[in-house]
N, C-alpha and C. Protein backbone atom coordinates (compact mmCIF):
# COMPACT_ATOMS: atom_id res chain seq x y z
N UNK A 1 25.41 -16.11 2.40
CA UNK A 1 24.50 -15.67 1.38
C UNK A 1 25.10 -14.50 0.66
N UNK A 2 24.95 -14.49 -0.57
CA UNK A 2 25.21 -13.33 -1.38
C UNK A 2 24.13 -13.35 -2.46
N UNK A 3 23.40 -12.26 -2.57
CA UNK A 3 22.32 -12.17 -3.54
C UNK A 3 22.53 -10.92 -4.38
N UNK A 4 22.12 -10.96 -5.64
CA UNK A 4 22.37 -9.82 -6.51
C UNK A 4 21.51 -8.60 -6.22
N UNK A 5 20.35 -8.78 -5.56
CA UNK A 5 19.43 -7.68 -5.33
C UNK A 5 19.17 -7.50 -3.85
N UNK A 6 19.26 -6.26 -3.38
CA UNK A 6 18.96 -5.96 -1.99
C UNK A 6 17.46 -5.84 -1.79
N UNK A 7 16.95 -6.24 -0.61
CA UNK A 7 15.53 -6.00 -0.34
C UNK A 7 15.32 -4.50 -0.14
N UNK A 8 14.09 -4.04 -0.30
CA UNK A 8 13.79 -2.62 -0.13
C UNK A 8 13.78 -2.20 1.34
N UNK A 9 13.65 -3.16 2.24
CA UNK A 9 13.65 -2.88 3.67
C UNK A 9 14.06 -4.16 4.40
N UNK A 10 13.95 -4.17 5.70
CA UNK A 10 14.38 -5.32 6.49
C UNK A 10 13.72 -6.61 6.00
N UNK A 11 14.52 -7.65 5.91
CA UNK A 11 13.97 -8.97 5.57
C UNK A 11 13.04 -9.44 6.68
N UNK A 12 13.40 -9.16 7.92
CA UNK A 12 12.59 -9.63 9.05
C UNK A 12 11.40 -8.73 9.33
N UNK A 13 11.17 -7.77 8.46
CA UNK A 13 9.98 -6.93 8.54
C UNK A 13 10.01 -6.06 9.79
N UNK A 14 8.87 -5.62 10.22
CA UNK A 14 8.77 -4.81 11.43
C UNK A 14 7.81 -5.48 12.39
N UNK A 15 8.03 -6.75 12.58
CA UNK A 15 7.15 -7.56 13.42
C UNK A 15 7.52 -7.37 14.89
N UNK A 16 6.54 -7.50 15.80
CA UNK A 16 6.85 -7.36 17.22
C UNK A 16 7.85 -8.40 17.72
N UNK A 17 7.80 -9.59 17.19
CA UNK A 17 8.78 -10.63 17.50
C UNK A 17 9.14 -11.31 16.19
N UNK A 18 10.41 -11.51 15.97
CA UNK A 18 10.89 -12.13 14.74
C UNK A 18 10.43 -13.58 14.70
N UNK A 19 9.87 -13.98 13.58
CA UNK A 19 9.43 -15.36 13.40
C UNK A 19 10.61 -16.27 13.08
N UNK A 20 10.36 -17.58 13.08
CA UNK A 20 11.42 -18.55 12.73
C UNK A 20 11.90 -18.33 11.32
N UNK A 21 10.99 -17.93 10.43
CA UNK A 21 11.30 -17.66 9.03
C UNK A 21 10.65 -16.34 8.67
N UNK A 22 11.40 -15.49 7.99
CA UNK A 22 10.86 -14.23 7.49
C UNK A 22 11.31 -14.05 6.05
N UNK A 23 10.41 -13.54 5.24
CA UNK A 23 10.69 -13.24 3.84
C UNK A 23 10.40 -11.77 3.58
N UNK A 24 11.23 -11.11 2.78
CA UNK A 24 10.91 -9.72 2.45
C UNK A 24 9.70 -9.68 1.52
N UNK A 25 9.04 -8.54 1.51
CA UNK A 25 7.93 -8.35 0.60
C UNK A 25 8.42 -8.27 -0.84
N UNK A 26 7.52 -8.57 -1.78
CA UNK A 26 7.84 -8.38 -3.21
C UNK A 26 8.02 -6.90 -3.52
N UNK A 27 7.13 -6.09 -2.97
CA UNK A 27 7.16 -4.64 -3.13
C UNK A 27 7.17 -4.08 -1.72
N UNK A 28 7.97 -3.08 -1.50
CA UNK A 28 8.07 -2.57 -0.14
C UNK A 28 8.14 -1.06 -0.13
N UNK A 29 7.91 -0.50 1.04
CA UNK A 29 8.00 0.93 1.28
C UNK A 29 7.08 1.76 0.40
N UNK A 30 6.05 1.12 -0.16
CA UNK A 30 5.14 1.87 -0.99
C UNK A 30 5.75 2.35 -2.30
N UNK A 31 6.82 1.69 -2.73
CA UNK A 31 7.50 2.06 -3.97
C UNK A 31 7.27 0.93 -4.97
N UNK A 32 6.21 1.01 -5.75
CA UNK A 32 5.85 -0.09 -6.66
C UNK A 32 6.94 -0.43 -7.67
N UNK A 33 7.81 0.51 -7.99
CA UNK A 33 8.84 0.22 -8.99
C UNK A 33 9.96 -0.66 -8.44
N UNK A 34 10.06 -0.79 -7.12
CA UNK A 34 11.11 -1.62 -6.53
C UNK A 34 10.51 -2.98 -6.22
N UNK A 35 10.74 -3.93 -7.08
CA UNK A 35 10.16 -5.27 -6.94
C UNK A 35 11.26 -6.31 -6.86
N UNK A 36 11.00 -7.35 -6.06
CA UNK A 36 11.91 -8.49 -6.05
C UNK A 36 11.10 -9.74 -6.37
N UNK A 37 11.77 -10.69 -6.97
CA UNK A 37 11.10 -11.92 -7.42
C UNK A 37 11.00 -12.93 -6.27
N UNK A 38 10.26 -14.01 -6.53
CA UNK A 38 10.20 -15.11 -5.56
C UNK A 38 11.59 -15.69 -5.32
N UNK A 39 12.39 -15.79 -6.37
CA UNK A 39 13.76 -16.30 -6.22
C UNK A 39 14.59 -15.37 -5.34
N UNK A 40 14.42 -14.05 -5.51
CA UNK A 40 15.13 -13.09 -4.66
C UNK A 40 14.67 -13.23 -3.21
N UNK A 41 13.38 -13.36 -3.01
CA UNK A 41 12.84 -13.51 -1.65
C UNK A 41 13.43 -14.75 -0.98
N UNK A 42 13.51 -15.84 -1.74
CA UNK A 42 14.07 -17.08 -1.19
C UNK A 42 15.55 -16.90 -0.87
N UNK A 43 16.29 -16.23 -1.74
CA UNK A 43 17.72 -16.01 -1.50
C UNK A 43 17.95 -15.13 -0.28
N UNK A 44 17.04 -14.21 -0.01
CA UNK A 44 17.18 -13.28 1.11
C UNK A 44 16.55 -13.78 2.41
N UNK A 45 15.89 -14.91 2.36
CA UNK A 45 15.12 -15.43 3.49
C UNK A 45 15.94 -15.47 4.77
N UNK A 46 15.29 -15.06 5.86
CA UNK A 46 15.85 -15.19 7.20
C UNK A 46 15.32 -16.47 7.81
N UNK A 47 16.22 -17.27 8.36
CA UNK A 47 15.83 -18.46 9.11
C UNK A 47 16.59 -18.45 10.43
N UNK A 48 15.86 -18.43 11.51
CA UNK A 48 16.48 -18.33 12.83
C UNK A 48 17.45 -19.50 13.08
N UNK A 49 17.09 -20.68 12.63
CA UNK A 49 17.89 -21.88 12.92
C UNK A 49 18.90 -22.21 11.83
N UNK A 50 18.89 -21.48 10.73
CA UNK A 50 19.82 -21.73 9.62
C UNK A 50 20.34 -20.41 9.06
N UNK A 51 21.27 -19.80 9.78
CA UNK A 51 21.77 -18.50 9.32
C UNK A 51 22.38 -18.59 7.93
N UNK A 52 22.21 -17.56 7.17
CA UNK A 52 22.78 -17.47 5.83
C UNK A 52 24.08 -16.68 5.90
N UNK A 53 24.88 -16.84 4.88
CA UNK A 53 26.10 -16.06 4.80
C UNK A 53 27.32 -16.86 5.20
N UNK A 54 28.35 -16.14 5.52
CA UNK A 54 29.62 -16.74 5.88
C UNK A 54 29.82 -16.62 7.39
N UNK A 55 30.27 -17.70 8.00
CA UNK A 55 30.57 -17.67 9.43
C UNK A 55 31.87 -16.91 9.65
N UNK A 56 31.94 -16.18 10.74
CA UNK A 56 33.17 -15.45 11.06
C UNK A 56 34.36 -16.39 11.15
N UNK A 57 34.12 -17.64 11.51
CA UNK A 57 35.21 -18.63 11.60
C UNK A 57 35.78 -18.96 10.22
N UNK A 58 35.02 -18.69 9.14
CA UNK A 58 35.50 -18.96 7.79
C UNK A 58 36.19 -17.76 7.16
N UNK A 59 36.21 -16.66 7.89
CA UNK A 59 36.92 -15.46 7.43
C UNK A 59 38.33 -15.46 7.97
N UNK A 60 39.22 -14.70 7.35
CA UNK A 60 40.54 -14.54 7.95
C UNK A 60 40.39 -13.71 9.22
N UNK A 61 41.42 -13.59 10.01
CA UNK A 61 41.31 -12.92 11.32
C UNK A 61 40.87 -11.46 11.16
N UNK A 62 41.34 -10.80 10.11
CA UNK A 62 40.93 -9.41 9.88
C UNK A 62 39.43 -9.32 9.59
N UNK A 63 38.91 -10.22 8.75
CA UNK A 63 37.49 -10.22 8.42
C UNK A 63 36.63 -10.51 9.65
N UNK A 64 37.03 -11.49 10.44
CA UNK A 64 36.28 -11.83 11.66
C UNK A 64 36.28 -10.65 12.63
N UNK A 65 37.41 -9.98 12.75
CA UNK A 65 37.49 -8.81 13.62
C UNK A 65 36.60 -7.69 13.12
N UNK A 66 36.54 -7.48 11.81
CA UNK A 66 35.68 -6.44 11.25
C UNK A 66 34.20 -6.70 11.54
N UNK A 67 33.78 -7.95 11.41
CA UNK A 67 32.38 -8.29 11.70
C UNK A 67 32.08 -8.02 13.17
N UNK A 68 32.97 -8.43 14.06
CA UNK A 68 32.74 -8.20 15.50
C UNK A 68 32.78 -6.71 15.82
N UNK A 69 33.67 -5.97 15.17
CA UNK A 69 33.72 -4.52 15.38
C UNK A 69 32.44 -3.85 14.91
N UNK A 70 31.87 -4.36 13.83
CA UNK A 70 30.61 -3.83 13.34
C UNK A 70 29.50 -4.06 14.36
N UNK A 71 29.46 -5.24 14.94
CA UNK A 71 28.48 -5.52 16.01
C UNK A 71 28.71 -4.57 17.17
N UNK A 72 29.95 -4.38 17.56
CA UNK A 72 30.27 -3.47 18.67
C UNK A 72 29.81 -2.04 18.37
N UNK A 73 29.86 -1.63 17.11
CA UNK A 73 29.39 -0.30 16.73
C UNK A 73 27.91 -0.15 17.03
N UNK A 74 27.12 -1.15 16.69
CA UNK A 74 25.69 -1.10 16.98
C UNK A 74 25.44 -1.13 18.48
N UNK A 75 26.05 -2.07 19.16
CA UNK A 75 25.82 -2.23 20.59
C UNK A 75 26.35 -1.02 21.37
N UNK A 76 27.38 -0.38 20.85
CA UNK A 76 27.96 0.77 21.52
C UNK A 76 27.08 2.00 21.54
N UNK A 77 25.96 1.95 20.89
CA UNK A 77 25.05 3.10 20.84
C UNK A 77 23.99 3.07 21.95
N UNK A 78 24.03 2.04 22.78
CA UNK A 78 23.06 1.93 23.86
C UNK A 78 23.76 2.24 25.19
N UNK A 79 23.00 2.44 26.26
CA UNK A 79 23.62 2.73 27.55
C UNK A 79 24.67 1.67 27.93
N UNK A 80 25.74 2.14 28.55
CA UNK A 80 26.90 1.28 28.86
C UNK A 80 26.53 0.01 29.62
N UNK A 81 25.66 0.12 30.61
CA UNK A 81 25.31 -1.05 31.41
C UNK A 81 24.72 -2.16 30.55
N UNK A 82 23.82 -1.79 29.67
CA UNK A 82 23.20 -2.77 28.77
C UNK A 82 24.21 -3.23 27.71
N UNK A 83 24.97 -2.29 27.17
CA UNK A 83 25.98 -2.63 26.16
C UNK A 83 26.98 -3.63 26.72
N UNK A 84 27.42 -3.44 27.94
CA UNK A 84 28.39 -4.36 28.54
C UNK A 84 27.88 -5.79 28.57
N UNK A 85 26.59 -5.96 28.85
CA UNK A 85 26.00 -7.30 28.86
C UNK A 85 26.08 -7.92 27.47
N UNK A 86 25.72 -7.16 26.44
CA UNK A 86 25.77 -7.67 25.07
C UNK A 86 27.20 -7.93 24.63
N UNK A 87 28.12 -7.08 25.04
CA UNK A 87 29.51 -7.28 24.63
C UNK A 87 30.11 -8.51 25.29
N UNK A 88 29.75 -8.78 26.54
CA UNK A 88 30.21 -10.01 27.20
C UNK A 88 29.68 -11.24 26.46
N UNK A 89 28.42 -11.16 26.04
CA UNK A 89 27.83 -12.27 25.27
C UNK A 89 28.56 -12.43 23.95
N UNK A 90 28.82 -11.32 23.26
CA UNK A 90 29.55 -11.37 21.99
C UNK A 90 30.94 -11.96 22.19
N UNK A 91 31.65 -11.52 23.22
CA UNK A 91 33.00 -12.03 23.47
C UNK A 91 33.00 -13.52 23.78
N UNK A 92 31.88 -14.03 24.29
CA UNK A 92 31.78 -15.46 24.59
C UNK A 92 31.20 -16.28 23.45
N UNK A 93 30.89 -15.64 22.33
CA UNK A 93 30.30 -16.34 21.19
C UNK A 93 31.39 -16.83 20.26
N UNK A 94 31.36 -18.11 19.95
CA UNK A 94 32.33 -18.68 19.01
C UNK A 94 32.11 -18.09 17.62
N UNK A 95 33.21 -17.93 16.88
CA UNK A 95 33.14 -17.37 15.54
C UNK A 95 32.27 -18.19 14.58
N UNK A 96 32.08 -19.47 14.88
CA UNK A 96 31.24 -20.28 13.99
C UNK A 96 29.75 -20.06 14.26
N UNK A 97 29.43 -19.18 15.22
CA UNK A 97 28.03 -18.84 15.54
C UNK A 97 27.70 -17.40 15.14
N UNK A 98 28.63 -16.73 14.44
CA UNK A 98 28.43 -15.36 13.97
C UNK A 98 28.45 -15.39 12.45
N UNK A 99 27.36 -14.95 11.83
CA UNK A 99 27.22 -15.01 10.37
C UNK A 99 27.04 -13.63 9.78
N UNK A 100 27.68 -13.41 8.64
CA UNK A 100 27.55 -12.16 7.89
C UNK A 100 27.08 -12.50 6.49
N UNK A 101 26.03 -11.84 6.04
CA UNK A 101 25.58 -12.06 4.67
C UNK A 101 25.32 -10.72 3.99
N UNK A 102 25.43 -10.72 2.69
CA UNK A 102 25.38 -9.51 1.87
C UNK A 102 24.45 -9.72 0.70
N UNK A 103 23.77 -8.65 0.29
CA UNK A 103 22.96 -8.66 -0.93
C UNK A 103 23.09 -7.31 -1.61
N UNK A 104 23.11 -7.32 -2.93
CA UNK A 104 23.16 -6.09 -3.69
C UNK A 104 24.55 -5.78 -4.20
N UNK A 105 24.72 -4.53 -4.58
CA UNK A 105 25.97 -4.10 -5.18
C UNK A 105 27.07 -3.81 -4.18
N UNK A 106 28.26 -3.61 -4.73
CA UNK A 106 29.41 -3.23 -3.89
C UNK A 106 29.99 -1.89 -4.31
N UNK A 107 29.52 -1.34 -5.41
CA UNK A 107 30.01 -0.04 -5.87
C UNK A 107 29.22 1.08 -5.21
N UNK A 108 29.87 2.22 -5.02
CA UNK A 108 29.21 3.40 -4.45
C UNK A 108 27.98 3.75 -5.27
N UNK A 109 26.89 4.06 -4.58
CA UNK A 109 25.67 4.44 -5.27
C UNK A 109 24.80 3.29 -5.73
N UNK A 110 25.13 2.07 -5.28
CA UNK A 110 24.29 0.93 -5.61
C UNK A 110 23.55 0.45 -4.36
N UNK A 111 22.39 -0.12 -4.56
CA UNK A 111 21.60 -0.64 -3.45
C UNK A 111 22.31 -1.83 -2.83
N UNK A 112 22.27 -1.90 -1.50
CA UNK A 112 22.90 -3.01 -0.80
C UNK A 112 22.25 -3.25 0.56
N UNK A 113 22.53 -4.42 1.10
CA UNK A 113 21.94 -4.88 2.36
C UNK A 113 22.93 -5.84 3.01
N UNK A 114 23.02 -5.79 4.33
CA UNK A 114 23.75 -6.84 5.03
C UNK A 114 23.00 -7.24 6.28
N UNK A 115 23.31 -8.43 6.72
CA UNK A 115 22.70 -8.99 7.93
C UNK A 115 23.79 -9.69 8.72
N UNK A 116 23.80 -9.46 10.03
CA UNK A 116 24.68 -10.19 10.94
C UNK A 116 23.77 -10.93 11.90
N UNK A 117 24.05 -12.21 12.06
CA UNK A 117 23.17 -13.05 12.86
C UNK A 117 24.00 -13.91 13.79
N UNK A 118 23.61 -13.91 15.08
CA UNK A 118 24.19 -14.83 16.05
C UNK A 118 23.03 -15.62 16.67
N UNK A 119 23.32 -16.40 17.69
CA UNK A 119 22.26 -17.14 18.38
C UNK A 119 21.28 -16.23 19.09
N UNK A 120 21.71 -15.02 19.44
CA UNK A 120 20.87 -14.14 20.25
C UNK A 120 20.61 -12.77 19.62
N UNK A 121 21.38 -12.41 18.61
CA UNK A 121 21.34 -11.05 18.10
C UNK A 121 21.19 -11.04 16.58
N UNK A 122 20.43 -10.08 16.09
CA UNK A 122 20.26 -9.88 14.66
C UNK A 122 20.47 -8.41 14.34
N UNK A 123 21.28 -8.15 13.34
CA UNK A 123 21.48 -6.80 12.83
C UNK A 123 21.13 -6.82 11.35
N UNK A 124 20.33 -5.83 10.93
CA UNK A 124 20.04 -5.67 9.51
C UNK A 124 20.34 -4.23 9.11
N UNK A 125 20.99 -4.09 7.96
CA UNK A 125 21.32 -2.78 7.39
C UNK A 125 20.83 -2.80 5.95
N UNK A 126 19.99 -1.85 5.62
CA UNK A 126 19.43 -1.80 4.28
C UNK A 126 19.64 -0.42 3.70
N UNK A 127 20.21 -0.38 2.51
CA UNK A 127 20.46 0.88 1.81
C UNK A 127 20.07 0.68 0.35
N UNK A 128 18.80 0.34 0.13
CA UNK A 128 18.37 -0.05 -1.21
C UNK A 128 17.66 1.06 -1.98
N UNK A 129 17.03 1.95 -1.30
CA UNK A 129 16.23 2.98 -1.97
C UNK A 129 17.12 4.16 -2.36
N UNK A 130 16.72 4.86 -3.40
CA UNK A 130 17.42 6.06 -3.88
C UNK A 130 18.87 5.75 -4.25
N UNK A 131 19.05 4.66 -4.98
CA UNK A 131 20.38 4.26 -5.47
C UNK A 131 21.40 4.13 -4.34
N UNK A 132 20.98 3.55 -3.24
CA UNK A 132 21.90 3.33 -2.13
C UNK A 132 22.20 4.58 -1.34
N UNK A 133 21.21 5.47 -1.22
CA UNK A 133 21.40 6.70 -0.46
C UNK A 133 20.28 6.91 0.57
N UNK A 134 19.74 5.83 1.08
CA UNK A 134 18.64 5.91 2.05
C UNK A 134 18.79 4.72 3.01
N UNK A 135 19.41 4.93 4.13
CA UNK A 135 19.79 3.86 5.05
C UNK A 135 18.71 3.60 6.10
N UNK A 136 18.46 2.33 6.34
CA UNK A 136 17.70 1.85 7.50
C UNK A 136 18.58 0.80 8.17
N UNK A 137 18.64 0.80 9.49
CA UNK A 137 19.33 -0.28 10.18
C UNK A 137 18.64 -0.55 11.51
N UNK A 138 18.80 -1.78 11.96
CA UNK A 138 18.16 -2.20 13.21
C UNK A 138 18.99 -3.33 13.81
N UNK A 139 18.99 -3.40 15.13
CA UNK A 139 19.52 -4.60 15.77
C UNK A 139 18.48 -5.06 16.77
N UNK A 140 18.35 -6.38 16.86
CA UNK A 140 17.32 -6.98 17.69
C UNK A 140 17.87 -8.16 18.47
N UNK A 141 17.35 -8.32 19.68
CA UNK A 141 17.67 -9.45 20.54
C UNK A 141 16.46 -10.38 20.48
N UNK A 142 16.68 -11.61 20.05
CA UNK A 142 15.57 -12.56 19.89
C UNK A 142 14.77 -12.76 21.17
N UNK A 143 15.44 -12.73 22.31
CA UNK A 143 14.77 -13.04 23.57
C UNK A 143 14.22 -11.80 24.25
N UNK A 144 14.72 -10.63 23.90
CA UNK A 144 14.33 -9.40 24.58
C UNK A 144 14.24 -8.30 23.53
N UNK A 145 13.35 -8.50 22.58
CA UNK A 145 13.26 -7.59 21.45
C UNK A 145 12.89 -6.19 21.93
N UNK A 146 13.78 -5.24 21.70
CA UNK A 146 13.55 -3.86 22.11
C UNK A 146 12.37 -3.28 21.33
N UNK A 147 11.53 -2.54 22.01
CA UNK A 147 10.39 -1.92 21.36
C UNK A 147 9.23 -2.86 21.12
N UNK A 148 9.25 -4.05 21.73
CA UNK A 148 8.20 -5.03 21.50
C UNK A 148 6.80 -4.42 21.71
N UNK A 149 6.59 -3.75 22.82
CA UNK A 149 5.28 -3.18 23.11
C UNK A 149 4.90 -2.10 22.10
N UNK A 150 5.88 -1.30 21.68
CA UNK A 150 5.61 -0.26 20.69
C UNK A 150 5.18 -0.87 19.36
N UNK A 151 5.83 -1.95 18.97
CA UNK A 151 5.46 -2.60 17.71
C UNK A 151 4.10 -3.27 17.81
N UNK A 152 3.78 -3.82 18.96
CA UNK A 152 2.43 -4.39 19.17
C UNK A 152 1.38 -3.29 18.99
N UNK A 153 1.61 -2.13 19.61
CA UNK A 153 0.68 -1.02 19.47
C UNK A 153 0.54 -0.60 18.01
N UNK A 154 1.67 -0.51 17.33
CA UNK A 154 1.65 -0.13 15.92
C UNK A 154 0.86 -1.14 15.09
N UNK A 155 1.08 -2.41 15.38
CA UNK A 155 0.35 -3.47 14.67
C UNK A 155 -1.15 -3.31 14.88
N UNK A 156 -1.55 -3.10 16.12
CA UNK A 156 -2.98 -2.98 16.41
C UNK A 156 -3.59 -1.80 15.66
N UNK A 157 -2.85 -0.72 15.53
CA UNK A 157 -3.35 0.46 14.84
C UNK A 157 -3.40 0.27 13.33
N UNK A 158 -2.53 -0.57 12.78
CA UNK A 158 -2.44 -0.66 11.33
C UNK A 158 -2.95 -1.97 10.74
N UNK A 159 -3.36 -2.92 11.56
CA UNK A 159 -3.66 -4.25 11.04
C UNK A 159 -4.84 -4.29 10.07
N UNK A 160 -5.77 -3.38 10.19
CA UNK A 160 -6.92 -3.37 9.27
C UNK A 160 -6.78 -2.32 8.18
N UNK A 161 -5.61 -1.77 8.11
CA UNK A 161 -5.34 -0.72 7.14
C UNK A 161 -4.83 -1.32 5.83
N UNK A 162 -5.01 -0.59 4.75
CA UNK A 162 -4.41 -1.03 3.50
C UNK A 162 -3.07 -0.33 3.27
N UNK A 163 -2.61 0.37 4.30
CA UNK A 163 -1.32 1.06 4.22
C UNK A 163 -0.21 0.03 3.99
N UNK A 164 0.79 0.41 3.22
CA UNK A 164 1.86 -0.54 2.88
C UNK A 164 2.60 -1.04 4.12
N UNK A 165 2.60 -0.31 5.22
CA UNK A 165 3.28 -0.79 6.43
C UNK A 165 2.51 -1.91 7.11
N UNK A 166 1.21 -2.00 6.89
CA UNK A 166 0.41 -2.98 7.62
C UNK A 166 0.87 -4.41 7.35
N UNK A 167 1.29 -4.73 6.14
CA UNK A 167 1.70 -6.10 5.85
C UNK A 167 3.09 -6.41 6.41
N UNK A 168 3.87 -5.39 6.72
CA UNK A 168 5.22 -5.63 7.25
C UNK A 168 5.21 -5.84 8.74
N UNK A 169 4.09 -5.66 9.39
CA UNK A 169 4.01 -5.88 10.83
C UNK A 169 3.51 -7.28 11.17
N UNK A 170 3.38 -8.11 10.14
CA UNK A 170 2.98 -9.50 10.35
C UNK A 170 4.11 -10.40 9.92
N UNK A 171 4.46 -11.34 10.76
CA UNK A 171 5.55 -12.27 10.49
C UNK A 171 5.18 -13.22 9.37
N UNK A 172 6.18 -13.63 8.60
CA UNK A 172 5.98 -14.64 7.57
C UNK A 172 5.60 -15.96 8.23
N UNK A 173 6.38 -16.39 9.20
CA UNK A 173 6.10 -17.57 10.02
C UNK A 173 6.28 -17.13 11.46
N UNK A 174 5.20 -16.97 12.23
CA UNK A 174 5.30 -16.41 13.57
C UNK A 174 6.24 -17.16 14.51
N UNK A 175 6.83 -16.41 15.44
CA UNK A 175 7.69 -17.00 16.45
C UNK A 175 6.86 -17.88 17.36
N UNK A 176 7.50 -18.88 17.92
CA UNK A 176 6.81 -19.76 18.85
C UNK A 176 6.92 -19.18 20.25
N UNK A 177 5.86 -19.36 21.05
CA UNK A 177 5.91 -18.95 22.45
C UNK A 177 5.64 -17.57 22.65
């Protein structure tokens, strides 16, 4: 995937469990001036069973190594025992199961977003607000989503609110099970 416009925040929202399909909001972060169209939402769509972007196997060896190193950077920020488990999984993952996708600009000071997706792991990096000077990033394990209970609590507190965060805690298409 490559899209001309970055979403204002994570495509997969802030749901307690990532759904099979997630779409970014038209307006996000309470910033009405940052809008994306239905076509943009479709281009940015997350699908658990149909990753977007380029597979690491379709990149040259340097590109594939860079994508894996980027994953290692995220995983390297957690305790070693847990990181080692994720790194063993990454090392055992075929390059055709690792996808990198990009949206937005490539010049300094432009809004941009990337997503790395494997069978078990999702990383999202969003730098869309303030002309590409406001970073959000997250990595999630589909089977063991970190912070699941915290997000459930947050959802319960905000579900009846008209606060702009309340709609981002609901999945576009809920996960099964």
